[in-house]
Amino acid sequence: MSRYGVFAEYYDSLTSNVSYDETAEYVSDILCENGIKEGILLDLACGTGTMSAEMAKRGYDVIGIDNSPEMLSEAREKAYEAGEDILFLCQDMCSIDLYGTVECTLCLLDSLNHLESEEELLAAFKGVSLFTVPGGLFIFDVNTQYKHKYVLGDNTFVYDNDDVYCVWQNEYDDESGTVEIFLDFFEEEDGLYRRSSEYFAERAFSDEAIRRLLKESGFSDIKTYGELSKDAPSDKEERVFYVARKDI
């Protein structure tokens, strides 16, 4: 599983198109519909903590977990500037260890796609289940097999932002549904360019596998939605949201 290092410095700039406020409203609506209007919320694979801060602003007591110290450094600074009291822990999402239980867990922005196998996905699901109260919710999204094959594929993307120039190259393996991602960052400093690189991979898991592993981990009442929608996902959906309830 990947651990962002260099990428942490540029992550917010390269994901500036993500509407965290809209996503937080969407998630909050689902939680409220299920009677969870407050309580402890785990933001799993929290990255630089933007979603953690958004959910804290909405009244949840947030714990953020990520396996990248560099990401968590950005997250702590962001929470401090926002005046939000958030506990951040450096842990692998396949082996989370909390002091108690939570009412709900979020794992967003295709973080689960970074797991390399069904065994790792099962370990993550079991960890979430272990620390979720009976009847609590697990809300997560995943990039689909369609997105991996037809959108990411073997394509190259270039980002020319104010603070960084990034070349994003993908290599797609159809048999495993895995996309290898190579990032090269170029930043100008005193007339010179500094180059740094990052590598990680994403795997697309089938809906059948996700549902089977959720049930094996103690979740049921599994619902799927299109991205930021209450409608069923289409065949060409790029990102699917899952909502699963911990067995009582």
Protein backbone atom coordinates (compact mmCIF):
# COMPACT_ATOMS: atom_id res chain seq x y z
CA MET A 1 0.00 0.00 0.00
CA SER A 2 1.25 3.45 -0.88
CA ARG A 3 2.50 5.99 1.64
CA TYR A 4 2.57 9.50 0.26
CA GLY A 5 5.78 11.38 0.96
CA VAL A 6 6.70 13.98 -1.64
CA PHE A 7 3.09 14.06 -2.88
CA ALA A 8 1.92 15.47 0.47
CA GLU A 9 3.49 18.83 -0.34
CA TYR A 10 1.49 19.19 -3.55
CA TYR A 11 -1.61 17.15 -2.75
CA ASP A 12 -3.95 20.07 -2.01
CA SER A 13 -2.86 21.93 -5.12
CA LEU A 14 -3.42 18.91 -7.37
CA THR A 15 -6.83 18.11 -5.84
CA SER A 16 -8.12 21.69 -5.86
CA ASN A 17 -10.96 20.53 -8.14
CA VAL A 18 -12.40 18.38 -5.33
CA SER A 19 -15.42 19.97 -3.66
CA TYR A 20 -14.84 18.96 -0.05
CA ASP A 21 -17.72 21.11 1.17
CA GLU A 22 -20.17 19.41 -1.21
CA THR A 23 -18.83 15.98 -0.28
CA ALA A 24 -19.11 16.75 3.43
CA GLU A 25 -22.72 17.89 2.95
CA TYR A 26 -23.49 14.71 1.03
CA VAL A 27 -21.97 12.49 3.71
CA SER A 28 -23.60 14.47 6.54
CA ASP A 29 -26.98 14.05 4.85
CA ILE A 30 -26.53 10.28 4.71
CA LEU A 31 -25.46 10.19 8.35
CA CYS A 32 -28.41 12.28 9.48
CA GLU A 33 -30.83 10.14 7.47
CA ASN A 34 -29.51 7.20 9.49
CA GLY A 35 -29.80 8.94 12.84
CA ILE A 36 -26.12 9.82 13.27
CA LYS A 37 -26.10 13.59 13.82
CA GLU A 38 -23.18 13.67 16.25
CA GLY A 39 -20.63 11.41 17.91
CA ILE A 40 -17.18 10.09 17.09
CA LEU A 41 -16.31 9.89 13.39
CA LEU A 42 -13.23 8.16 12.00
CA ASP A 43 -11.76 9.68 8.84
CA LEU A 44 -9.72 6.75 7.53
CA ALA A 45 -6.86 7.62 5.16
CA CYS A 46 -7.52 11.26 5.98
CA GLY A 47 -4.64 12.66 3.91
CA THR A 48 -4.10 16.37 4.52
CA GLY A 49 -7.19 16.50 6.71
CA THR A 50 -9.53 18.68 4.66
CA MET A 51 -12.49 16.31 5.07
CA SER A 52 -11.63 15.84 8.75
CA ALA A 53 -11.92 19.59 9.28
CA GLU A 54 -15.16 19.77 7.28
CA MET A 55 -16.79 17.06 9.38
CA ALA A 56 -15.52 18.62 12.61
CA LYS A 57 -17.17 21.89 11.57
CA ARG A 58 -20.42 19.94 11.28
CA GLY A 59 -20.28 18.87 14.90
CA TYR A 60 -18.62 15.47 14.78
CA ASP A 61 -15.77 14.47 17.10
CA VAL A 62 -13.22 13.49 14.46
CA ILE A 63 -10.29 11.09 14.53
CA GLY A 64 -8.10 11.13 11.43
CA ILE A 65 -5.88 8.20 10.48
CA ASP A 66 -3.25 8.09 7.75
CA ASN A 67 -0.04 6.12 7.24
CA SER A 68 1.89 9.12 5.88
CA PRO A 69 3.61 11.34 8.47
CA GLU A 70 4.01 13.97 5.76
CA MET A 71 0.25 14.02 5.09
CA LEU A 72 -0.52 14.17 8.81
CA SER A 73 1.85 17.11 9.27
CA GLU A 74 -0.19 19.03 6.70
CA ALA A 75 -3.42 17.88 8.37
CA ARG A 76 -2.41 19.02 11.84
CA GLU A 77 -1.43 22.44 10.57
CA LYS A 78 -4.73 22.74 8.70
CA ALA A 79 -6.78 21.75 11.77
CA TYR A 80 -4.87 24.23 13.94
CA GLU A 81 -5.51 27.06 11.49
CA ALA A 82 -9.21 26.13 11.34
CA GLY A 83 -9.46 26.03 15.13
CA GLU A 84 -10.65 22.41 15.11
CA ASP A 85 -9.59 19.92 17.80
CA ILE A 86 -8.91 16.74 15.79
CA LEU A 87 -6.93 13.72 16.91
CA PHE A 88 -4.62 12.50 14.15
CA LEU A 89 -2.97 9.07 14.32
CA CYS A 90 -0.29 7.60 12.06
CA GLN A 91 -1.54 4.10 11.32
CA ASP A 92 -1.94 1.71 8.42
CA MET A 93 -5.61 1.33 7.47
CA CYS A 94 -5.18 -2.45 7.45
CA SER A 95 -4.26 -2.45 11.16
CA ILE A 96 -6.09 0.41 12.86
CA ASP A 97 -6.06 0.53 16.65
CA LEU A 98 -8.34 2.94 18.49
CA TYR A 99 -9.00 3.60 22.18
CA GLY A 100 -12.72 2.95 21.79
CA THR A 101 -15.53 2.68 19.27
CA VAL A 102 -16.87 5.15 16.71
CA GLU A 103 -20.36 5.85 15.39
CA CYS A 104 -19.21 6.06 11.79
CA THR A 105 -16.18 5.75 9.55
CA LEU A 106 -15.44 7.59 6.31
CA CYS A 107 -12.87 6.49 3.76
CA LEU A 108 -13.05 8.77 0.75
CA LEU A 109 -11.25 9.85 -2.43
CA ASP A 110 -10.56 6.26 -3.59
CA SER A 111 -8.25 5.54 -0.66
CA LEU A 112 -9.29 1.88 -0.54
CA ASN A 113 -8.13 1.47 -4.15
CA HIS A 114 -4.58 1.76 -2.83
CA LEU A 115 -4.88 -1.64 -1.17
CA GLU A 116 -3.14 -4.31 -3.21
CA SER A 117 -5.31 -7.39 -2.61
CA GLU A 118 -8.64 -8.66 -1.34
CA GLU A 119 -6.79 -9.85 1.76
CA GLU A 120 -5.74 -6.28 2.56
CA LEU A 121 -9.23 -4.98 1.82
CA LEU A 122 -10.69 -7.57 4.18
CA ALA A 123 -8.22 -6.57 6.89
CA ALA A 124 -9.27 -2.92 6.53
CA PHE A 125 -12.97 -3.83 6.65
CA LYS A 126 -12.48 -6.02 9.72
CA GLY A 127 -10.59 -3.24 11.50
CA VAL A 128 -13.35 -0.75 10.81
CA SER A 129 -15.96 -3.27 11.95
CA LEU A 130 -14.09 -4.01 15.17
CA PHE A 131 -14.15 -0.35 16.23
CA THR A 132 -17.67 0.51 15.01
CA VAL A 133 -20.63 0.44 17.38
CA PRO A 134 -23.45 -1.97 16.45
CA GLY A 135 -25.70 -0.16 14.00
CA GLY A 136 -22.94 2.31 13.08
CA LEU A 137 -22.15 3.25 9.48
CA PHE A 138 -19.20 2.78 7.17
CA ILE A 139 -19.24 5.18 4.20
CA PHE A 140 -16.56 4.92 1.53
CA ASP A 141 -16.00 5.45 -2.16
CA VAL A 142 -13.96 3.57 -4.74
CA ASN A 143 -12.78 4.20 -8.25
CA THR A 144 -14.48 1.71 -10.55
CA GLN A 145 -13.08 -0.80 -12.99
CA TYR A 146 -14.54 1.38 -15.75
CA LYS A 147 -12.52 4.40 -14.59
CA HIS A 148 -9.30 2.44 -14.31
CA LYS A 149 -9.62 1.00 -17.81
CA TYR A 150 -11.18 3.84 -19.80
CA VAL A 151 -10.31 7.06 -17.93
CA LEU A 152 -6.97 6.50 -16.22
CA GLY A 153 -5.76 3.73 -18.52
CA ASP A 154 -2.32 4.30 -20.05
CA ASN A 155 -2.88 8.03 -20.21
CA THR A 156 -0.62 10.93 -19.26
CA PHE A 157 -1.91 14.09 -17.58
CA VAL A 158 -0.09 17.39 -17.12
CA TYR A 159 -0.91 19.89 -14.36
CA ASP A 160 0.56 23.38 -14.54
CA ASN A 161 -0.39 25.07 -11.27
CA ASP A 162 0.97 28.22 -9.68
CA ASP A 163 3.13 26.30 -7.22
CA VAL A 164 4.06 23.15 -9.16
CA TYR A 165 4.29 21.59 -12.61
CA CYS A 166 3.31 17.92 -12.51
CA VAL A 167 3.49 15.14 -15.11
CA TRP A 168 1.16 12.25 -14.18
CA GLN A 169 1.75 9.00 -16.13
CA ASN A 170 -0.34 5.84 -15.84
CA GLU A 171 0.33 2.23 -16.77
CA TYR A 172 -2.78 0.02 -16.76
CA ASP A 173 -2.84 -3.78 -16.36
CA ASP A 174 -6.15 -5.18 -17.61
CA GLU A 175 -5.78 -8.58 -15.96
CA SER A 176 -5.51 -7.21 -12.41
CA GLY A 177 -7.39 -3.95 -12.98
CA THR A 178 -4.41 -2.12 -11.50
CA VAL A 179 -3.11 1.29 -12.54
CA GLU A 180 0.49 2.15 -11.73
CA ILE A 181 0.88 5.90 -11.28
CA PHE A 182 4.15 7.78 -11.74
CA LEU A 183 4.29 11.43 -10.69
CA ASP A 184 7.09 13.87 -11.51
CA PHE A 185 6.99 17.28 -9.85
CA PHE A 186 8.93 20.31 -11.10
CA GLU A 187 9.09 23.39 -8.89
CA GLU A 188 10.97 26.59 -9.72
CA GLU A 189 13.13 28.04 -6.99
CA ASP A 190 15.57 30.93 -7.51
CA GLY A 191 15.62 30.37 -11.27
CA LEU A 192 16.34 26.65 -10.89
CA TYR A 193 13.95 23.72 -11.21
CA ARG A 194 13.75 21.10 -8.48
CA ARG A 195 12.46 17.68 -9.56
CA SER A 196 10.90 15.12 -7.24
CA SER A 197 8.97 11.93 -7.89
CA GLU A 198 6.29 9.72 -6.35
CA TYR A 199 4.96 6.28 -7.25
CA PHE A 200 1.86 4.42 -6.16
CA ALA A 201 -0.70 2.01 -7.59
CA GLU A 202 -4.48 1.69 -7.48
CA ARG A 203 -6.50 -1.49 -7.84
CA ALA A 204 -10.17 -1.63 -8.80
CA PHE A 205 -12.19 -4.19 -6.84
CA SER A 206 -15.42 -5.65 -8.18
CA ASP A 207 -18.74 -4.86 -6.55
CA GLU A 208 -19.18 -8.56 -5.84
CA ALA A 209 -15.87 -8.72 -3.97
CA ILE A 210 -16.56 -5.57 -1.96
CA ARG A 211 -20.00 -6.80 -0.87
CA ARG A 212 -18.69 -10.26 0.01
CA LEU A 213 -15.85 -8.87 2.11
CA LEU A 214 -18.12 -6.36 3.86
CA LYS A 215 -20.51 -9.15 4.87
CA GLU A 216 -17.60 -11.30 6.03
CA SER A 217 -16.49 -8.37 8.21
CA GLY A 218 -19.84 -7.93 9.93
CA PHE A 219 -21.57 -5.33 7.76
CA SER A 220 -24.97 -5.58 6.12
CA ASP A 221 -27.68 -3.36 4.59
CA ILE A 222 -25.16 -2.40 1.90
CA LYS A 223 -26.22 0.40 -0.45
CA THR A 224 -24.39 1.85 -3.47
CA TYR A 225 -24.79 5.25 -5.07
CA GLY A 226 -23.36 7.17 -7.99
CA GLU A 227 -20.86 9.88 -7.12
CA LEU A 228 -22.48 12.42 -4.75
CA SER A 229 -25.88 11.02 -5.75
CA LYS A 230 -28.74 9.05 -4.23
CA ASP A 231 -29.23 7.19 -7.50
CA ALA A 232 -27.89 3.73 -8.30
CA PRO A 233 -24.51 3.83 -10.06
CA SER A 234 -24.47 3.51 -13.83
CA ASP A 235 -22.36 1.07 -15.86
CA LYS A 236 -20.00 3.94 -16.70
CA GLU A 237 -19.74 5.36 -13.19
CA GLU A 238 -16.22 6.48 -12.36
CA ARG A 239 -16.63 6.57 -8.58
CA VAL A 240 -19.15 4.63 -6.47
CA PHE A 241 -20.17 5.38 -2.89
CA TYR A 242 -20.91 2.52 -0.48
CA VAL A 243 -22.93 2.80 2.72
CA ALA A 244 -22.83 -0.25 5.00
CA ARG A 245 -24.27 -0.79 8.49
CA LYS A 246 -22.48 -2.68 11.26
CA ASP A 247 -24.50 -5.71 12.32
CA ILE A 248 -26.38 -5.36 15.57
